Amino acid sequence: CLDKIREIAEQLPSAHTVVICPYLGLDNPTEGIRGGVT
């Protein structure tokens, strides 16, 4: 879902924090995600 989250985060300016929850266990999950934090 990471590509979709990048797009959503850019168009959801109210969200100052985007918390990425591990499920698939992908590497570097917050890369390129505005406000991203694991």
PDB file of all heavy atoms in Angstrom:
ATOM      1  N   CYS A   1       0.816  -1.219   0.000  1.00  0.00           N
ATOM      2  CA  CYS A   1       0.000   0.000   0.000  1.00  0.00           C
ATOM      3  C   CYS A   1       0.848   1.266   0.000  1.00  0.00           C
ATOM      4  O   CYS A   1       0.304   2.376   0.050  1.00  0.00           O
ATOM      5  CB  CYS A   1      -0.899   0.020   1.239  1.00  0.00           C
ATOM      6  SG  CYS A   1      -2.225  -1.188   1.216  1.00  0.00           S
ATOM      7  N   LEU A   2       2.170   1.129  -0.039  1.00  0.00           N
ATOM      8  CA  LEU A   2       3.033   2.288   0.193  1.00  0.00           C
ATOM      9  C   LEU A   2       2.873   3.365  -0.883  1.00  0.00           C
ATOM     10  O   LEU A   2       2.865   4.559  -0.569  1.00  0.00           O
ATOM     11  CB  LEU A   2       4.484   1.841   0.314  1.00  0.00           C
ATOM     12  CG  LEU A   2       4.777   0.935   1.527  1.00  0.00           C
ATOM     13  CD1 LEU A   2       6.247   0.541   1.560  1.00  0.00           C
ATOM     14  CD2 LEU A   2       4.377   1.624   2.824  1.00  0.00           C
ATOM     15  N   ASP A   3       2.755   2.972  -2.157  1.00  0.00           N
ATOM     16  CA  ASP A   3       2.560   3.975  -3.211  1.00  0.00           C
ATOM     17  C   ASP A   3       1.247   4.724  -3.006  1.00  0.00           C
ATOM     18  O   ASP A   3       1.174   5.952  -3.196  1.00  0.00           O
ATOM     19  CB  ASP A   3       2.582   3.319  -4.591  1.00  0.00           C
ATOM     20  CG  ASP A   3       3.978   2.881  -5.010  1.00  0.00           C
ATOM     21  OD1 ASP A   3       4.962   3.380  -4.419  1.00  0.00           O
ATOM     22  OD2 ASP A   3       4.079   2.030  -5.920  1.00  0.00           O
ATOM     23  N   LYS A   4       0.208   4.004  -2.620  1.00  0.00           N
ATOM     24  CA  LYS A   4      -1.084   4.651  -2.373  1.00  0.00           C
ATOM     25  C   LYS A   4      -0.994   5.601  -1.182  1.00  0.00           C
ATOM     26  O   LYS A   4      -1.566   6.701  -1.201  1.00  0.00           O
ATOM     27  CB  LYS A   4      -2.172   3.600  -2.142  1.00  0.00           C
ATOM     28  CG  LYS A   4      -2.461   2.732  -3.357  1.00  0.00           C
ATOM     29  CD  LYS A   4      -3.733   1.905  -3.193  1.00  0.00           C
ATOM     30  CE  LYS A   4      -3.580   0.803  -2.186  1.00  0.00           C
ATOM     31  NZ  LYS A   4      -4.794  -0.059  -2.111  1.00  0.00           N
ATOM     32  N   ILE A   5      -0.254   5.194  -0.150  1.00  0.00           N
ATOM     33  CA  ILE A   5      -0.138   6.046   1.039  1.00  0.00           C
ATOM     34  C   ILE A   5       0.613   7.330   0.705  1.00  0.00           C
ATOM     35  O   ILE A   5       0.252   8.415   1.191  1.00  0.00           O
ATOM     36  CB  ILE A   5       0.561   5.275   2.178  1.00  0.00           C
ATOM     37  CG1 ILE A   5      -0.309   4.092   2.620  1.00  0.00           C
ATOM     38  CG2 ILE A   5       0.814   6.195   3.369  1.00  0.00           C
ATOM     39  CD1 ILE A   5       0.416   3.099   3.506  1.00  0.00           C
ATOM     40  N   ARG A   6       1.652   7.236  -0.121  1.00  0.00           N
ATOM     41  CA  ARG A   6       2.379   8.452  -0.528  1.00  0.00           C
ATOM     42  C   ARG A   6       1.429   9.440  -1.199  1.00  0.00           C
ATOM     43  O   ARG A   6       1.452  10.639  -0.913  1.00  0.00           O
ATOM     44  CB  ARG A   6       3.527   8.085  -1.472  1.00  0.00           C
ATOM     45  CG  ARG A   6       4.659   7.324  -0.810  1.00  0.00           C
ATOM     46  CD  ARG A   6       5.826   7.095  -1.753  1.00  0.00           C
ATOM     47  NE  ARG A   6       6.791   6.200  -1.129  1.00  0.00           N
ATOM     48  CZ  ARG A   6       6.862   4.884  -1.359  1.00  0.00           C
ATOM     49  NH1 ARG A   6       6.034   4.334  -2.237  1.00  0.00           N
ATOM     50  NH2 ARG A   6       7.751   4.146  -0.734  1.00  0.00           N
ATOM     51  N   GLU A   7       0.596   8.944  -2.084  1.00  0.00           N
ATOM     52  CA  GLU A   7      -0.348   9.811  -2.793  1.00  0.00           C
ATOM     53  C   GLU A   7      -1.387  10.398  -1.844  1.00  0.00           C
ATOM     54  O   GLU A   7      -1.711  11.594  -1.910  1.00  0.00           O
ATOM     55  CB  GLU A   7      -1.031   9.018  -3.912  1.00  0.00           C
ATOM     56  CG  GLU A   7      -1.985   9.853  -4.753  1.00  0.00           C
ATOM     57  CD  GLU A   7      -2.598   9.068  -5.897  1.00  0.00           C
ATOM     58  OE1 GLU A   7      -2.063   7.987  -6.257  1.00  0.00           O
ATOM     59  OE2 GLU A   7      -3.631   9.536  -6.437  1.00  0.00           O
ATOM     60  N   ILE A   8      -1.890   9.563  -0.944  1.00  0.00           N
ATOM     61  CA  ILE A   8      -2.901  10.031   0.009  1.00  0.00           C
ATOM     62  C   ILE A   8      -2.324  11.092   0.932  1.00  0.00           C
ATOM     63  O   ILE A   8      -2.942  12.142   1.174  1.00  0.00           O
ATOM     64  CB  ILE A   8      -3.447   8.839   0.827  1.00  0.00           C
ATOM     65  CG1 ILE A   8      -4.277   7.912  -0.068  1.00  0.00           C
ATOM     66  CG2 ILE A   8      -4.283   9.324   2.013  1.00  0.00           C
ATOM     67  CD1 ILE A   8      -4.527   6.542   0.540  1.00  0.00           C
ATOM     68  N   ALA A   9      -1.127  10.847   1.460  1.00  0.00           N
ATOM     69  CA  ALA A   9      -0.509  11.778   2.408  1.00  0.00           C
ATOM     70  C   ALA A   9      -0.295  13.152   1.786  1.00  0.00           C
ATOM     71  O   ALA A   9      -0.469  14.187   2.457  1.00  0.00           O
ATOM     72  CB  ALA A   9       0.814  11.213   2.909  1.00  0.00           C
ATOM     73  N   GLU A  10       0.064  13.193   0.522  1.00  0.00           N
ATOM     74  CA  GLU A  10       0.289  14.473  -0.145  1.00  0.00           C
ATOM     75  C   GLU A  10      -0.999  15.278  -0.280  1.00  0.00           C
ATOM     76  O   GLU A  10      -0.973  16.506  -0.305  1.00  0.00           O
ATOM     77  CB  GLU A  10       0.906  14.240  -1.531  1.00  0.00           C
ATOM     78  CG  GLU A  10       2.350  13.790  -1.508  1.00  0.00           C
ATOM     79  CD  GLU A  10       3.259  14.803  -0.828  1.00  0.00           C
ATOM     80  OE1 GLU A  10       3.057  16.021  -1.015  1.00  0.00           O
ATOM     81  OE2 GLU A  10       4.166  14.370  -0.078  1.00  0.00           O
ATOM     82  N   GLN A  11      -2.134  14.582  -0.370  1.00  0.00           N
ATOM     83  CA  GLN A  11      -3.409  15.272  -0.593  1.00  0.00           C
ATOM     84  C   GLN A  11      -4.276  15.329   0.667  1.00  0.00           C
ATOM     85  O   GLN A  11      -5.447  15.686   0.590  1.00  0.00           O
ATOM     86  CB  GLN A  11      -4.172  14.568  -1.716  1.00  0.00           C
ATOM     87  CG  GLN A  11      -3.433  14.596  -3.049  1.00  0.00           C
ATOM     88  CD  GLN A  11      -4.233  13.945  -4.161  1.00  0.00           C
ATOM     89  OE1 GLN A  11      -5.312  14.421  -4.532  1.00  0.00           O
ATOM     90  NE2 GLN A  11      -3.707  12.850  -4.696  1.00  0.00           N
ATOM     91  N   LEU A  12      -3.667  15.005   1.808  1.00  0.00           N
ATOM     92  CA  LEU A  12      -4.370  15.051   3.086  1.00  0.00           C
ATOM     93  C   LEU A  12      -3.552  15.934   4.038  1.00  0.00           C
ATOM     94  O   LEU A  12      -2.965  15.450   5.006  1.00  0.00           O
ATOM     95  CB  LEU A  12      -4.532  13.629   3.640  1.00  0.00           C
ATOM     96  CG  LEU A  12      -5.648  13.375   4.665  1.00  0.00           C
ATOM     97  CD1 LEU A  12      -7.021  13.665   4.078  1.00  0.00           C
ATOM     98  CD2 LEU A  12      -5.582  11.926   5.157  1.00  0.00           C
ATOM     99  N   PRO A  13      -3.515  17.237   3.777  1.00  0.00           N
ATOM    100  CA  PRO A  13      -2.608  18.118   4.528  1.00  0.00           C
ATOM    101  C   PRO A  13      -2.904  18.208   6.014  1.00  0.00           C
ATOM    102  O   PRO A  13      -2.024  18.563   6.798  1.00  0.00           O
ATOM    103  CB  PRO A  13      -2.803  19.470   3.841  1.00  0.00           C
ATOM    104  CG  PRO A  13      -4.142  19.394   3.178  1.00  0.00           C
ATOM    105  CD  PRO A  13      -4.285  17.966   2.758  1.00  0.00           C
ATOM    106  N   SER A  14      -4.127  17.904   6.428  1.00  0.00           N
ATOM    107  CA  SER A  14      -4.459  17.982   7.852  1.00  0.00           C
ATOM    108  C   SER A  14      -3.693  16.956   8.677  1.00  0.00           C
ATOM    109  O   SER A  14      -3.464  17.157   9.877  1.00  0.00           O
ATOM    110  CB  SER A  14      -5.962  17.767   8.049  1.00  0.00           C
ATOM    111  OG  SER A  14      -6.335  16.466   7.593  1.00  0.00           O
ATOM    112  N   ALA A  15      -3.270  15.850   8.056  1.00  0.00           N
ATOM    113  CA  ALA A  15      -2.601  14.757   8.775  1.00  0.00           C
ATOM    114  C   ALA A  15      -1.127  15.087   8.959  1.00  0.00           C
ATOM    115  O   ALA A  15      -0.317  14.875   8.053  1.00  0.00           O
ATOM    116  CB  ALA A  15      -2.783  13.441   8.034  1.00  0.00           C
ATOM    117  N   HIS A  16      -0.765  15.586  10.143  1.00  0.00           N
ATOM    118  CA  HIS A  16       0.635  15.946  10.382  1.00  0.00           C
ATOM    119  C   HIS A  16       1.499  14.719  10.641  1.00  0.00           C
ATOM    120  O   HIS A  16       2.734  14.784  10.546  1.00  0.00           O
ATOM    121  CB  HIS A  16       0.756  16.936  11.538  1.00  0.00           C
ATOM    122  CG  HIS A  16       0.134  16.483  12.835  1.00  0.00           C
ATOM    123  ND1 HIS A  16       0.570  15.391  13.554  1.00  0.00           N
ATOM    124  CD2 HIS A  16      -0.905  16.997  13.546  1.00  0.00           C
ATOM    125  CE1 HIS A  16      -0.148  15.251  14.650  1.00  0.00           C
ATOM    126  NE2 HIS A  16      -1.072  16.207  14.669  1.00  0.00           N
ATOM    127  N   THR A  17       0.865  13.589  10.972  1.00  0.00           N
ATOM    128  CA  THR A  17       1.604  12.355  11.231  1.00  0.00           C
ATOM    129  C   THR A  17       0.935  11.204  10.494  1.00  0.00           C
ATOM    130  O   THR A  17      -0.279  11.029  10.582  1.00  0.00           O
ATOM    131  CB  THR A  17       1.628  12.033  12.736  1.00  0.00           C
ATOM    132  OG1 THR A  17       2.194  13.137  13.450  1.00  0.00           O
ATOM    133  CG2 THR A  17       2.446  10.780  13.013  1.00  0.00           C
ATOM    134  N   VAL A  18       1.755  10.440   9.762  1.00  0.00           N
ATOM    135  CA  VAL A  18       1.276   9.238   9.085  1.00  0.00           C
ATOM    136  C   VAL A  18       2.037   8.058   9.679  1.00  0.00           C
ATOM    137  O   VAL A  18       3.251   7.925   9.484  1.00  0.00           O
ATOM    138  CB  VAL A  18       1.485   9.312   7.563  1.00  0.00           C
ATOM    139  CG1 VAL A  18       0.989   8.031   6.892  1.00  0.00           C
ATOM    140  CG2 VAL A  18       0.772  10.533   6.982  1.00  0.00           C
ATOM    141  N   VAL A  19       1.327   7.232  10.434  1.00  0.00           N
ATOM    142  CA  VAL A  19       1.947   6.119  11.160  1.00  0.00           C
ATOM    143  C   VAL A  19       1.860   4.859  10.304  1.00  0.00           C
ATOM    144  O   VAL A  19       0.755   4.375  10.022  1.00  0.00           O
ATOM    145  CB  VAL A  19       1.252   5.888  12.514  1.00  0.00           C
ATOM    146  CG1 VAL A  19       1.966   4.786  13.289  1.00  0.00           C
ATOM    147  CG2 VAL A  19       1.198   7.178  13.320  1.00  0.00           C
ATOM    148  N   ILE A  20       3.011   4.343   9.889  1.00  0.00           N
ATOM    149  CA  ILE A  20       3.031   3.131   9.074  1.00  0.00           C
ATOM    150  C   ILE A  20       3.135   1.918   9.997  1.00  0.00           C
ATOM    151  O   ILE A  20       4.095   1.763  10.749  1.00  0.00           O
ATOM    152  CB  ILE A  20       4.210   3.144   8.076  1.00  0.00           C
ATOM    153  CG1 ILE A  20       4.158   4.418   7.212  1.00  0.00           C
ATOM    154  CG2 ILE A  20       4.169   1.896   7.199  1.00  0.00           C
ATOM    155  CD1 ILE A  20       2.889   4.577   6.405  1.00  0.00           C
ATOM    156  N   CYS A  21       2.111   1.062   9.917  1.00  0.00           N
ATOM    157  CA  CYS A  21       2.050  -0.124  10.768  1.00  0.00           C
ATOM    158  C   CYS A  21       2.531  -1.340   9.974  1.00  0.00           C
ATOM    159  O   CYS A  21       2.046  -1.585   8.863  1.00  0.00           O
ATOM    160  CB  CYS A  21       0.625  -0.354  11.255  1.00  0.00           C
ATOM    161  SG  CYS A  21      -0.039   1.034  12.213  1.00  0.00           S
ATOM    162  N   PRO A  22       3.481  -2.099  10.516  1.00  0.00           N
ATOM    163  CA  PRO A  22       4.039  -3.228   9.765  1.00  0.00           C
ATOM    164  C   PRO A  22       3.070  -4.397   9.695  1.00  0.00           C
ATOM    165  O   PRO A  22       2.526  -4.826  10.709  1.00  0.00           O
ATOM    166  CB  PRO A  22       5.285  -3.598  10.580  1.00  0.00           C
ATOM    167  CG  PRO A  22       4.945  -3.189  11.987  1.00  0.00           C
ATOM    168  CD  PRO A  22       4.080  -1.965  11.856  1.00  0.00           C
ATOM    169  N   TYR A  23       2.857  -4.896   8.506  1.00  0.00           N
ATOM    170  CA  TYR A  23       2.049  -6.094   8.306  1.00  0.00           C
ATOM    171  C   TYR A  23       2.786  -7.018   7.328  1.00  0.00           C
ATOM    172  O   TYR A  23       3.107  -8.157   7.644  1.00  0.00           O
ATOM    173  CB  TYR A  23       0.665  -5.711   7.806  1.00  0.00           C
ATOM    174  CG  TYR A  23      -0.336  -6.847   7.711  1.00  0.00           C
ATOM    175  CD1 TYR A  23      -0.185  -8.022   8.433  1.00  0.00           C
ATOM    176  CD2 TYR A  23      -1.465  -6.735   6.900  1.00  0.00           C
ATOM    177  CE1 TYR A  23      -1.102  -9.057   8.350  1.00  0.00           C
ATOM    178  CE2 TYR A  23      -2.393  -7.763   6.804  1.00  0.00           C
ATOM    179  CZ  TYR A  23      -2.205  -8.928   7.526  1.00  0.00           C
ATOM    180  OH  TYR A  23      -3.127  -9.947   7.435  1.00  0.00           O
ATOM    181  N   LEU A  24       3.147  -6.474   6.159  1.00  0.00           N
ATOM    182  CA  LEU A  24       3.962  -7.248   5.232  1.00  0.00           C
ATOM    183  C   LEU A  24       5.432  -7.240   5.645  1.00  0.00           C
ATOM    184  O   LEU A  24       6.208  -8.099   5.208  1.00  0.00           O
ATOM    185  CB  LEU A  24       3.846  -6.680   3.809  1.00  0.00           C
ATOM    186  CG  LEU A  24       2.456  -6.620   3.172  1.00  0.00           C
ATOM    187  CD1 LEU A  24       2.569  -6.165   1.725  1.00  0.00           C
ATOM    188  CD2 LEU A  24       1.749  -7.952   3.260  1.00  0.00           C
ATOM    189  N   GLY A  25       5.820  -6.225   6.461  1.00  0.00           N
ATOM    190  CA  GLY A  25       7.216  -6.116   6.873  1.00  0.00           C
ATOM    191  C   GLY A  25       8.114  -5.580   5.779  1.00  0.00           C
ATOM    192  O   GLY A  25       9.272  -6.007   5.644  1.00  0.00           O
ATOM    193  N   LEU A  26       7.637  -4.629   5.001  1.00  0.00           N
ATOM    194  CA  LEU A  26       8.402  -4.072   3.897  1.00  0.00           C
ATOM    195  C   LEU A  26       9.536  -3.184   4.400  1.00  0.00           C
ATOM    196  O   LEU A  26       9.425  -2.550   5.451  1.00  0.00           O
ATOM    197  CB  LEU A  26       7.486  -3.265   2.973  1.00  0.00           C
ATOM    198  CG  LEU A  26       6.310  -4.048   2.345  1.00  0.00           C
ATOM    199  CD1 LEU A  26       5.457  -3.118   1.494  1.00  0.00           C
ATOM    200  CD2 LEU A  26       6.818  -5.219   1.512  1.00  0.00           C
ATOM    201  N   ASP A  27      10.616  -3.126   3.632  1.00  0.00           N
ATOM    202  CA  ASP A  27      11.763  -2.300   3.987  1.00  0.00           C
ATOM    203  C   ASP A  27      11.467  -0.829   3.724  1.00  0.00           C
ATOM    204  O   ASP A  27      10.727  -0.481   2.781  1.00  0.00           O
ATOM    205  CB  ASP A  27      12.993  -2.710   3.170  1.00  0.00           C
ATOM    206  CG  ASP A  27      13.481  -4.108   3.525  1.00  0.00           C
ATOM    207  OD1 ASP A  27      13.233  -4.533   4.670  1.00  0.00           O
ATOM    208  OD2 ASP A  27      14.084  -4.763   2.651  1.00  0.00           O
ATOM    209  N   ASN A  28      12.059   0.041   4.537  1.00  0.00           N
ATOM    210  CA  ASN A  28      11.964   1.497   4.371  1.00  0.00           C
ATOM    211  C   ASN A  28      10.528   1.964   4.116  1.00  0.00           C
ATOM    212  O   ASN A  28      10.253   2.662   3.136  1.00  0.00           O
ATOM    213  CB  ASN A  28      12.870   1.971   3.220  1.00  0.00           C
ATOM    214  CG  ASN A  28      14.310   1.543   3.403  1.00  0.00           C
ATOM    215  OD1 ASN A  28      14.863   1.680   4.495  1.00  0.00           O
ATOM    216  ND2 ASN A  28      14.913   1.014   2.345  1.00  0.00           N
ATOM    217  N   PRO A  29       9.606   1.594   4.976  1.00  0.00           N
ATOM    218  CA  PRO A  29       8.188   1.864   4.675  1.00  0.00           C
ATOM    219  C   PRO A  29       7.813   3.342   4.696  1.00  0.00           C
ATOM    220  O   PRO A  29       6.801   3.709   4.090  1.00  0.00           O
ATOM    221  CB  PRO A  29       7.455   1.094   5.778  1.00  0.00           C
ATOM    222  CG  PRO A  29       8.418   1.044   6.909  1.00  0.00           C
ATOM    223  CD  PRO A  29       9.768   0.892   6.272  1.00  0.00           C
ATOM    224  N   THR A  30       8.574   4.183   5.373  1.00  0.00           N
ATOM    225  CA  THR A  30       8.196   5.605   5.444  1.00  0.00           C
ATOM    226  C   THR A  30       8.861   6.448   4.363  1.00  0.00           C
ATOM    227  O   THR A  30       8.607   7.655   4.287  1.00  0.00           O
ATOM    228  CB  THR A  30       8.568   6.185   6.819  1.00  0.00           C
ATOM    229  OG1 THR A  30       9.986   6.082   7.010  1.00  0.00           O
ATOM    230  CG2 THR A  30       7.842   5.447   7.941  1.00  0.00           C
ATOM    231  N   GLU A  31       9.667   5.840   3.518  1.00  0.00           N
ATOM    232  CA  GLU A  31      10.400   6.600   2.504  1.00  0.00           C
ATOM    233  C   GLU A  31       9.442   7.333   1.566  1.00  0.00           C
ATOM    234  O   GLU A  31       8.560   6.724   0.958  1.00  0.00           O
ATOM    235  CB  GLU A  31      11.302   5.660   1.702  1.00  0.00           C
ATOM    236  CG  GLU A  31      12.175   6.377   0.682  1.00  0.00           C
ATOM    237  CD  GLU A  31      13.104   5.422  -0.051  1.00  0.00           C
ATOM    238  OE1 GLU A  31      13.247   4.255   0.396  1.00  0.00           O
ATOM    239  OE2 GLU A  31      13.673   5.841  -1.069  1.00  0.00           O
ATOM    240  N   GLY A  32       9.623   8.638   1.473  1.00  0.00           N
ATOM    241  CA  GLY A  32       8.809   9.443   0.564  1.00  0.00           C
ATOM    242  C   GLY A  32       7.412   9.748   1.056  1.00  0.00           C
ATOM    243  O   GLY A  32       6.608  10.335   0.313  1.00  0.00           O
ATOM    244  N   ILE A  33       7.082   9.388   2.293  1.00  0.00           N
ATOM    245  CA  ILE A  33       5.746   9.642   2.840  1.00  0.00           C
ATOM    246  C   ILE A  33       5.803  10.865   3.745  1.00  0.00           C
ATOM    247  O   ILE A  33       6.520  10.867   4.753  1.00  0.00           O
ATOM    248  CB  ILE A  33       5.216   8.423   3.620  1.00  0.00           C
ATOM    249  CG1 ILE A  33       5.021   7.236   2.661  1.00  0.00           C
ATOM    250  CG2 ILE A  33       3.899   8.757   4.321  1.00  0.00           C
ATOM    251  CD1 ILE A  33       4.590   5.957   3.340  1.00  0.00           C
ATOM    252  N   ARG A  34       5.074  11.895   3.378  1.00  0.00           N
ATOM    253  CA  ARG A  34       5.066  13.131   4.163  1.00  0.00           C
ATOM    254  C   ARG A  34       4.557  12.847   5.574  1.00  0.00           C
ATOM    255  O   ARG A  34       3.490  12.284   5.749  1.00  0.00           O
ATOM    256  CB  ARG A  34       4.169  14.170   3.489  1.00  0.00           C
ATOM    257  CG  ARG A  34       4.174  15.543   4.167  1.00  0.00           C
ATOM    258  CD  ARG A  34       3.097  16.449   3.576  1.00  0.00           C
ATOM    259  NE  ARG A  34       1.765  15.886   3.716  1.00  0.00           N
ATOM    260  CZ  ARG A  34       1.055  15.911   4.853  1.00  0.00           C
ATOM    261  NH1 ARG A  34       1.556  16.460   5.943  1.00  0.00           N
ATOM    262  NH2 ARG A  34      -0.159  15.380   4.882  1.00  0.00           N
ATOM    263  N   GLY A  35       5.343  13.241   6.570  1.00  0.00           N
ATOM    264  CA  GLY A  35       4.949  13.015   7.958  1.00  0.00           C
ATOM    265  C   GLY A  35       5.046  11.580   8.406  1.00  0.00           C
ATOM    266  O   GLY A  35       4.519  11.222   9.465  1.00  0.00           O
ATOM    267  N   GLY A  36       5.744  10.741   7.619  1.00  0.00           N
ATOM    268  CA  GLY A  36       5.777   9.325   7.903  1.00  0.00           C
ATOM    269  C   GLY A  36       6.622   8.955   9.108  1.00  0.00           C
ATOM    270  O   GLY A  36       7.713   9.500   9.325  1.00  0.00           O
ATOM    271  N   VAL A  37       6.122   8.031   9.903  1.00  0.00           N
ATOM    272  CA  VAL A  37       6.820   7.491  11.051  1.00  0.00           C
ATOM    273  C   VAL A  37       6.328   6.061  11.249  1.00  0.00           C
ATOM    274  O   VAL A  37       5.148   5.768  11.012  1.00  0.00           O
ATOM    275  CB  VAL A  37       6.566   8.348  12.317  1.00  0.00           C
ATOM    276  CG1 VAL A  37       5.084   8.402  12.649  1.00  0.00           C
ATOM    277  CG2 VAL A  37       7.349   7.847  13.511  1.00  0.00           C
ATOM    278  N   THR A  38       7.221   5.149  11.624  1.00  0.00           N
ATOM    279  CA  THR A  38       6.763   3.783  11.864  1.00  0.00           C
ATOM    280  C   THR A  38       6.065   3.709  13.219  1.00  0.00           C
ATOM    281  O   THR A  38       6.253   4.571  14.084  1.00  0.00           O
ATOM    282  CB  THR A  38       7.925   2.777  11.843  1.00  0.00           C
ATOM    283  OG1 THR A  38       8.786   3.046  12.952  1.00  0.00           O
ATOM    284  CG2 THR A  38       8.696   2.869  10.528  1.00  0.00           C
TER     285      THR A  38
END
